[in-house]
C-alpha atoms as a PDB file:
ATOM      1  CA  MET A   1      -4.339  -5.931  14.192  1.00  0.00           C
ATOM      2  CA  VAL A   2      -4.000  -4.460  10.722  1.00  0.00           C
ATOM      3  CA  ARG A   3      -6.905  -5.039   8.376  1.00  0.00           C
ATOM      4  CA  SER A   4      -5.749  -7.043   5.401  1.00  0.00           C
ATOM      5  CA  PHE A   5      -6.745 -10.009   3.293  1.00  0.00           C
ATOM      6  CA  LEU A   6      -3.523 -11.596   4.545  1.00  0.00           C
ATOM      7  CA  ASN A   7      -5.195 -12.112   7.924  1.00  0.00           C
ATOM      8  CA  TYR A   8      -7.196 -14.922   6.326  1.00  0.00           C
ATOM      9  CA  LEU A   9      -4.069 -16.580   4.908  1.00  0.00           C
ATOM     10  CA  LEU A  10      -1.720 -16.257   7.889  1.00  0.00           C
ATOM     11  CA  PRO A  11      -1.758 -18.306  11.109  1.00  0.00           C
ATOM     12  CA  ASP A  12      -3.211 -16.930  14.349  1.00  0.00           C
ATOM     13  CA  ASP A  13       0.081 -17.336  16.207  1.00  0.00           C
ATOM     14  CA  GLU A  14       1.620 -13.848  16.249  1.00  0.00           C
ATOM     15  CA  TYR A  15       5.235 -15.063  16.100  1.00  0.00           C
ATOM     16  CA  LYS A  16       4.540 -17.269  13.073  1.00  0.00           C
ATOM     17  CA  ARG A  17       2.550 -14.468  11.441  1.00  0.00           C
ATOM     18  CA  ILE A  18       5.402 -11.985  11.754  1.00  0.00           C
ATOM     19  CA  ARG A  19       8.036 -14.459  10.555  1.00  0.00           C
ATOM     20  CA  ILE A  20       5.955 -15.394   7.493  1.00  0.00           C
ATOM     21  CA  LEU A  21       5.473 -11.709   6.686  1.00  0.00           C
ATOM     22  CA  TYR A  22       9.258 -11.264   6.854  1.00  0.00           C
ATOM     23  CA  PHE A  23       9.736 -14.252   4.548  1.00  0.00           C
ATOM     24  CA  LEU A  24       7.204 -12.829   2.082  1.00  0.00           C
ATOM     25  CA  ALA A  25       8.918  -9.426   2.205  1.00  0.00           C
ATOM     26  CA  GLU A  26      12.335 -11.038   1.593  1.00  0.00           C
ATOM     27  CA  ALA A  27      10.902 -12.944  -1.365  1.00  0.00           C
ATOM     28  CA  ALA A  28       9.330  -9.782  -2.776  1.00  0.00           C
ATOM     29  CA  VAL A  29      12.597  -7.841  -2.531  1.00  0.00           C
ATOM     30  CA  ILE A  30      14.562 -10.680  -4.155  1.00  0.00           C
ATOM     31  CA  ALA A  31      11.957 -11.071  -6.932  1.00  0.00           C
ATOM     32  CA  THR A  32      11.913  -7.321  -7.576  1.00  0.00           C
ATOM     33  CA  GLY A  33      15.701  -7.208  -7.775  1.00  0.00           C
ATOM     34  CA  LEU A  34      15.850 -10.171 -10.138  1.00  0.00           C
ATOM     35  CA  LEU A  35      13.144  -8.650 -12.355  1.00  0.00           C
ATOM     36  CA  PHE A  36      15.080  -5.376 -12.563  1.00  0.00           C
ATOM     37  CA  VAL A  37      18.273  -7.245 -13.462  1.00  0.00           C
ATOM     38  CA  TYR A  38      16.393  -9.336 -16.050  1.00  0.00           C
ATOM     39  CA  SER A  39      14.795  -6.217 -17.547  1.00  0.00           C
ATOM     40  CA  PHE A  40      18.085  -4.327 -17.710  1.00  0.00           C
ATOM     41  CA  VAL A  41      20.038  -7.218 -19.201  1.00  0.00           C
ATOM     42  CA  ASN A  42      17.309  -8.022 -21.697  1.00  0.00           C
ATOM     43  CA  LEU A  43      16.715  -4.412 -22.738  1.00  0.00           C
ATOM     44  CA  TYR A  44      20.290  -3.218 -23.088  1.00  0.00           C
ATOM     45  CA  TRP A  45      22.460  -6.244 -23.612  1.00  0.00           C
ATOM     46  CA  LEU A  46      21.140  -9.633 -24.712  1.00  0.00           C
ATOM     47  CA  GLN A  47      17.641  -8.897 -26.030  1.00  0.00           C
ATOM     48  CA  TRP A  48      16.505 -12.465 -25.390  1.00  0.00           C
ATOM     49  CA  GLU A  49      13.534 -13.913 -27.132  1.00  0.00           C
ATOM     50  CA  PHE A  50      11.993 -15.034 -23.845  1.00  0.00           C
ATOM     51  CA  PRO A  51       8.604 -16.793 -23.897  1.00  0.00           C
ATOM     52  CA  GLY A  52       6.818 -13.647 -22.804  1.00  0.00           C
ATOM     53  CA  GLY A  53       5.462 -11.709 -19.888  1.00  0.00           C
ATOM     54  CA  THR A  54       3.037 -14.388 -18.764  1.00  0.00           C
ATOM     55  CA  PHE A  55       5.813 -16.924 -18.264  1.00  0.00           C
ATOM     56  CA  THR A  56       7.936 -14.379 -16.393  1.00  0.00           C
ATOM     57  CA  ALA A  57       5.002 -13.437 -14.150  1.00  0.00           C
ATOM     58  CA  LEU A  58       4.219 -17.083 -13.372  1.00  0.00           C
ATOM     59  CA  LEU A  59       7.885 -17.847 -12.732  1.00  0.00           C
ATOM     60  CA  THR A  60       8.098 -14.886 -10.352  1.00  0.00           C
ATOM     61  CA  ALA A  61       4.941 -15.899  -8.462  1.00  0.00           C
ATOM     62  CA  VAL A  62       6.092 -19.509  -8.144  1.00  0.00           C
ATOM     63  CA  GLY A  63       9.533 -18.333  -7.038  1.00  0.00           C
ATOM     64  CA  VAL A  64       8.030 -16.173  -4.280  1.00  0.00           C
ATOM     65  CA  MET A  65       5.882 -19.083  -3.079  1.00  0.00           C
ATOM     66  CA  ILE A  66       8.762 -21.573  -3.114  1.00  0.00           C
ATOM     67  CA  TYR A  67      11.116 -19.169  -1.328  1.00  0.00           C
ATOM     68  CA  THR A  68       8.537 -18.455   1.380  1.00  0.00           C
ATOM     69  CA  TYR A  69       7.720 -22.156   1.841  1.00  0.00           C
ATOM     70  CA  VAL A  70      11.379 -23.180   2.053  1.00  0.00           C
ATOM     71  CA  ARG A  71      12.244 -20.387   4.511  1.00  0.00           C
ATOM     72  CA  TYR A  72       9.221 -21.285   6.660  1.00  0.00           C
ATOM     73  CA  SER A  73      10.154 -24.962   6.592  1.00  0.00           C
ATOM     74  CA  ILE A  74      13.795 -24.513   7.558  1.00  0.00           C
ATOM     75  CA  SER A  75      13.039 -21.906  10.232  1.00  0.00           C
ATOM     76  CA  GLY A  76      11.734 -24.513  12.672  1.00  0.00           C
ATOM     77  CA  ILE A  77       8.512 -22.702  13.583  1.00  0.00           C
ATOM     78  CA  GLU A  78       6.019 -24.951  11.809  1.00  0.00           C
ATOM     79  CA  HIS A  79       5.464 -27.625  14.478  1.00  0.00           C
ATOM     80  CA  THR A  80       5.040 -25.773  17.768  1.00  0.00           C
ATOM     81  CA  ASN A  81       3.382 -28.752  19.481  1.00  0.00           C
ATOM     82  CA  VAL A  82       6.237 -31.244  18.936  1.00  0.00           C
ATOM     83  CA  SER A  83       8.346 -31.313  22.083  1.00  0.00           C
ATOM     84  CA  ASN A  84       8.852 -34.996  22.941  1.00  0.00           C
ATOM     85  CA  GLN A  85       9.806 -38.174  21.090  1.00  0.00           C
ATOM     86  CA  LYS A  86       6.236 -39.509  20.937  1.00  0.00           C
ATOM     87  CA  GLN A  87       4.907 -36.318  19.327  1.00  0.00           C
ATOM     88  CA  TYR A  88       7.896 -36.256  16.984  1.00  0.00           C
ATOM     89  CA  THR A  89       7.199 -39.811  15.799  1.00  0.00           C
ATOM     90  CA  ARG A  90       3.470 -39.157  15.429  1.00  0.00           C
ATOM     91  CA  GLN A  91       4.061 -35.979  13.408  1.00  0.00           C
ATOM     92  CA  GLY A  92       6.594 -37.818  11.233  1.00  0.00           C
ATOM     93  CA  ARG A  93       3.897 -40.360  10.340  1.00  0.00           C
ATOM     94  CA  VAL A  94       1.414 -37.561   9.625  1.00  0.00           C
ATOM     95  CA  ASN A  95       3.954 -35.884   7.348  1.00  0.00           C
ATOM     96  CA  LEU A  96       4.596 -39.161   5.506  1.00  0.00           C
ATOM     97  CA  LYS A  97       0.855 -39.687   4.961  1.00  0.00           C
ATOM     98  CA  LYS A  98       0.554 -36.091   3.739  1.00  0.00           C
ATOM     99  CA  VAL A  99       3.380 -36.603   1.230  1.00  0.00           C
ATOM    100  CA  LEU A 100       1.891 -39.884  -0.018  1.00  0.00           C
ATOM    101  CA  LEU A 101      -1.557 -38.278  -0.460  1.00  0.00           C
ATOM    102  CA  PHE A 102       0.031 -35.338  -2.273  1.00  0.00           C
ATOM    103  CA  GLY A 103       1.923 -37.733  -4.556  1.00  0.00           C
ATOM    104  CA  LEU A 104      -1.211 -39.725  -5.319  1.00  0.00           C
ATOM    105  CA  LEU A 105      -3.215 -36.590  -6.131  1.00  0.00           C
ATOM    106  CA  LEU A 106      -0.424 -35.170  -8.281  1.00  0.00           C
ATOM    107  CA  PHE A 107      -0.120 -38.486 -10.112  1.00  0.00           C
ATOM    108  CA  VAL A 108      -3.884 -38.670 -10.743  1.00  0.00           C
ATOM    109  CA  PHE A 109      -4.135 -35.046 -11.933  1.00  0.00           C
ATOM    110  CA  THR A 110      -1.096 -35.470 -14.194  1.00  0.00           C
ATOM    111  CA  LEU A 111      -2.556 -38.708 -15.550  1.00  0.00           C
ATOM    112  CA  ILE A 112      -5.867 -36.962 -16.247  1.00  0.00           C
ATOM    113  CA  SER A 113      -4.214 -33.985 -17.947  1.00  0.00           C
ATOM    114  CA  LYS A 114      -1.746 -35.996 -20.066  1.00  0.00           C
ATOM    115  CA  GLY A 115      -3.790 -39.137 -20.604  1.00  0.00           C
ATOM    116  CA  VAL A 116      -2.812 -42.766 -20.183  1.00  0.00           C
ATOM    117  CA  PRO A 117       0.793 -43.250 -21.320  1.00  0.00           C
ATOM    118  CA  ASP A 118       1.498 -45.357 -24.415  1.00  0.00           C
ATOM    119  CA  SER A 119       5.214 -45.811 -23.848  1.00  0.00           C
ATOM    120  CA  TRP A 120       7.796 -45.973 -21.082  1.00  0.00           C
ATOM    121  CA  LEU A 121       8.924 -42.434 -21.840  1.00  0.00           C
ATOM    122  CA  GLU A 122       5.409 -41.092 -21.448  1.00  0.00           C
ATOM    123  CA  ALA A 123       5.002 -43.041 -18.189  1.00  0.00           C
ATOM    124  CA  LEU A 124       8.322 -41.676 -16.972  1.00  0.00           C
ATOM    125  CA  ASP A 125       7.105 -38.189 -17.869  1.00  0.00           C
ATOM    126  CA  ILE A 126       4.264 -38.685 -15.376  1.00  0.00           C
ATOM    127  CA  ILE A 127       6.038 -40.687 -12.669  1.00  0.00           C
ATOM    128  CA  GLY A 128       9.325 -38.743 -12.643  1.00  0.00           C
ATOM    129  CA  PRO A 129       8.026 -35.290 -11.698  1.00  0.00           C
ATOM    130  CA  THR A 130       5.630 -36.850  -9.186  1.00  0.00           C
ATOM    131  CA  VAL A 131       8.423 -38.711  -7.407  1.00  0.00           C
ATOM    132  CA  LEU A 132      10.689 -35.645  -7.470  1.00  0.00           C
ATOM    133  CA  ALA A 133       7.931 -33.460  -6.006  1.00  0.00           C
ATOM    134  CA  MET A 134       7.301 -36.057  -3.289  1.00  0.00           C
ATOM    135  CA  ILE A 135      11.011 -36.227  -2.424  1.00  0.00           C
ATOM    136  CA  PHE A 136      11.219 -32.427  -2.283  1.00  0.00           C
ATOM    137  CA  MET A 137       8.122 -32.174  -0.087  1.00  0.00           C
ATOM    138  CA  PHE A 138       9.219 -35.004   2.218  1.00  0.00           C
ATOM    139  CA  THR A 139      12.682 -33.494   2.628  1.00  0.00           C
ATOM    140  CA  LEU A 140      11.284 -30.084   3.539  1.00  0.00           C
ATOM    141  CA  ASP A 141       8.759 -31.615   5.944  1.00  0.00           C
ATOM    142  CA  TYR A 142      11.490 -33.709   7.570  1.00  0.00           C
ATOM    143  CA  VAL A 143      13.831 -30.734   7.969  1.00  0.00           C
ATOM    144  CA  SER A 144      10.984 -28.625   9.331  1.00  0.00           C
ATOM    145  CA  LEU A 145       9.971 -31.282  11.849  1.00  0.00           C
ATOM    146  CA  LYS A 146      13.564 -31.899  12.938  1.00  0.00           C
ATOM    147  CA  ARG A 147      14.289 -28.186  13.414  1.00  0.00           C
ATOM    148  CA  SER A 148      10.984 -27.576  15.189  1.00  0.00           C
ATOM    149  CA  TYR A 149      11.634 -30.477  17.552  1.00  0.00           C
ATOM    150  CA  LYS A 150      15.143 -29.239  18.288  1.00  0.00           C
ATOM    151  CA  LYS A 151      13.958 -25.659  18.828  1.00  0.00           C
ATOM    152  CA  ASN A 152      11.081 -26.752  21.095  1.00  0.00           C
ATOM    153  CA  ARG A 153      13.422 -28.967  23.148  1.00  0.00           C
ATOM    154  CA  GLU A 154      15.788 -26.011  23.609  1.00  0.00           C
ATOM    155  CA  ILE A 155      12.926 -23.794  24.753  1.00  0.00           C
ATOM    156  CA  LEU A 156      11.758 -26.416  27.255  1.00  0.00           C
ATOM    157  CA  ASP A 157      15.297 -26.924  28.597  1.00  0.00           C
ATOM    158  CA  ASP A 158      15.703 -23.187  29.355  1.00  0.00           C
END
């Protein structure tokens, strides 16, 4: 095994480890290409007044994380232990509880950072992104579970 700090972040399952490394590499190549295009276009053509290097760096880091998470979720390798209907149902409930806990924590942290809303628009500014994040997370978890279940059933049928 290669010595790297990534060993602490990646799963022990060798197949999952390799796939995640591929997803990270794909994300890095895409991010590098987009940064080169952005730099070229900005330097020679448009000369945008973009909010700065910090915003671009954060956007790139978040983009790499989102790409990797989405690719991992839709690959069907997340739930290796789900191979029958009972396990599928149980994991679906676990995923729902995880999404609800995430939504509650996001709501509380947003409420703490923005303060108690004084108007409907301020309340919507807290509730809206929380609900959208929960829908996004639930959808990815559902797709991941469904694909994992299907993939595991195919492996068992062979």
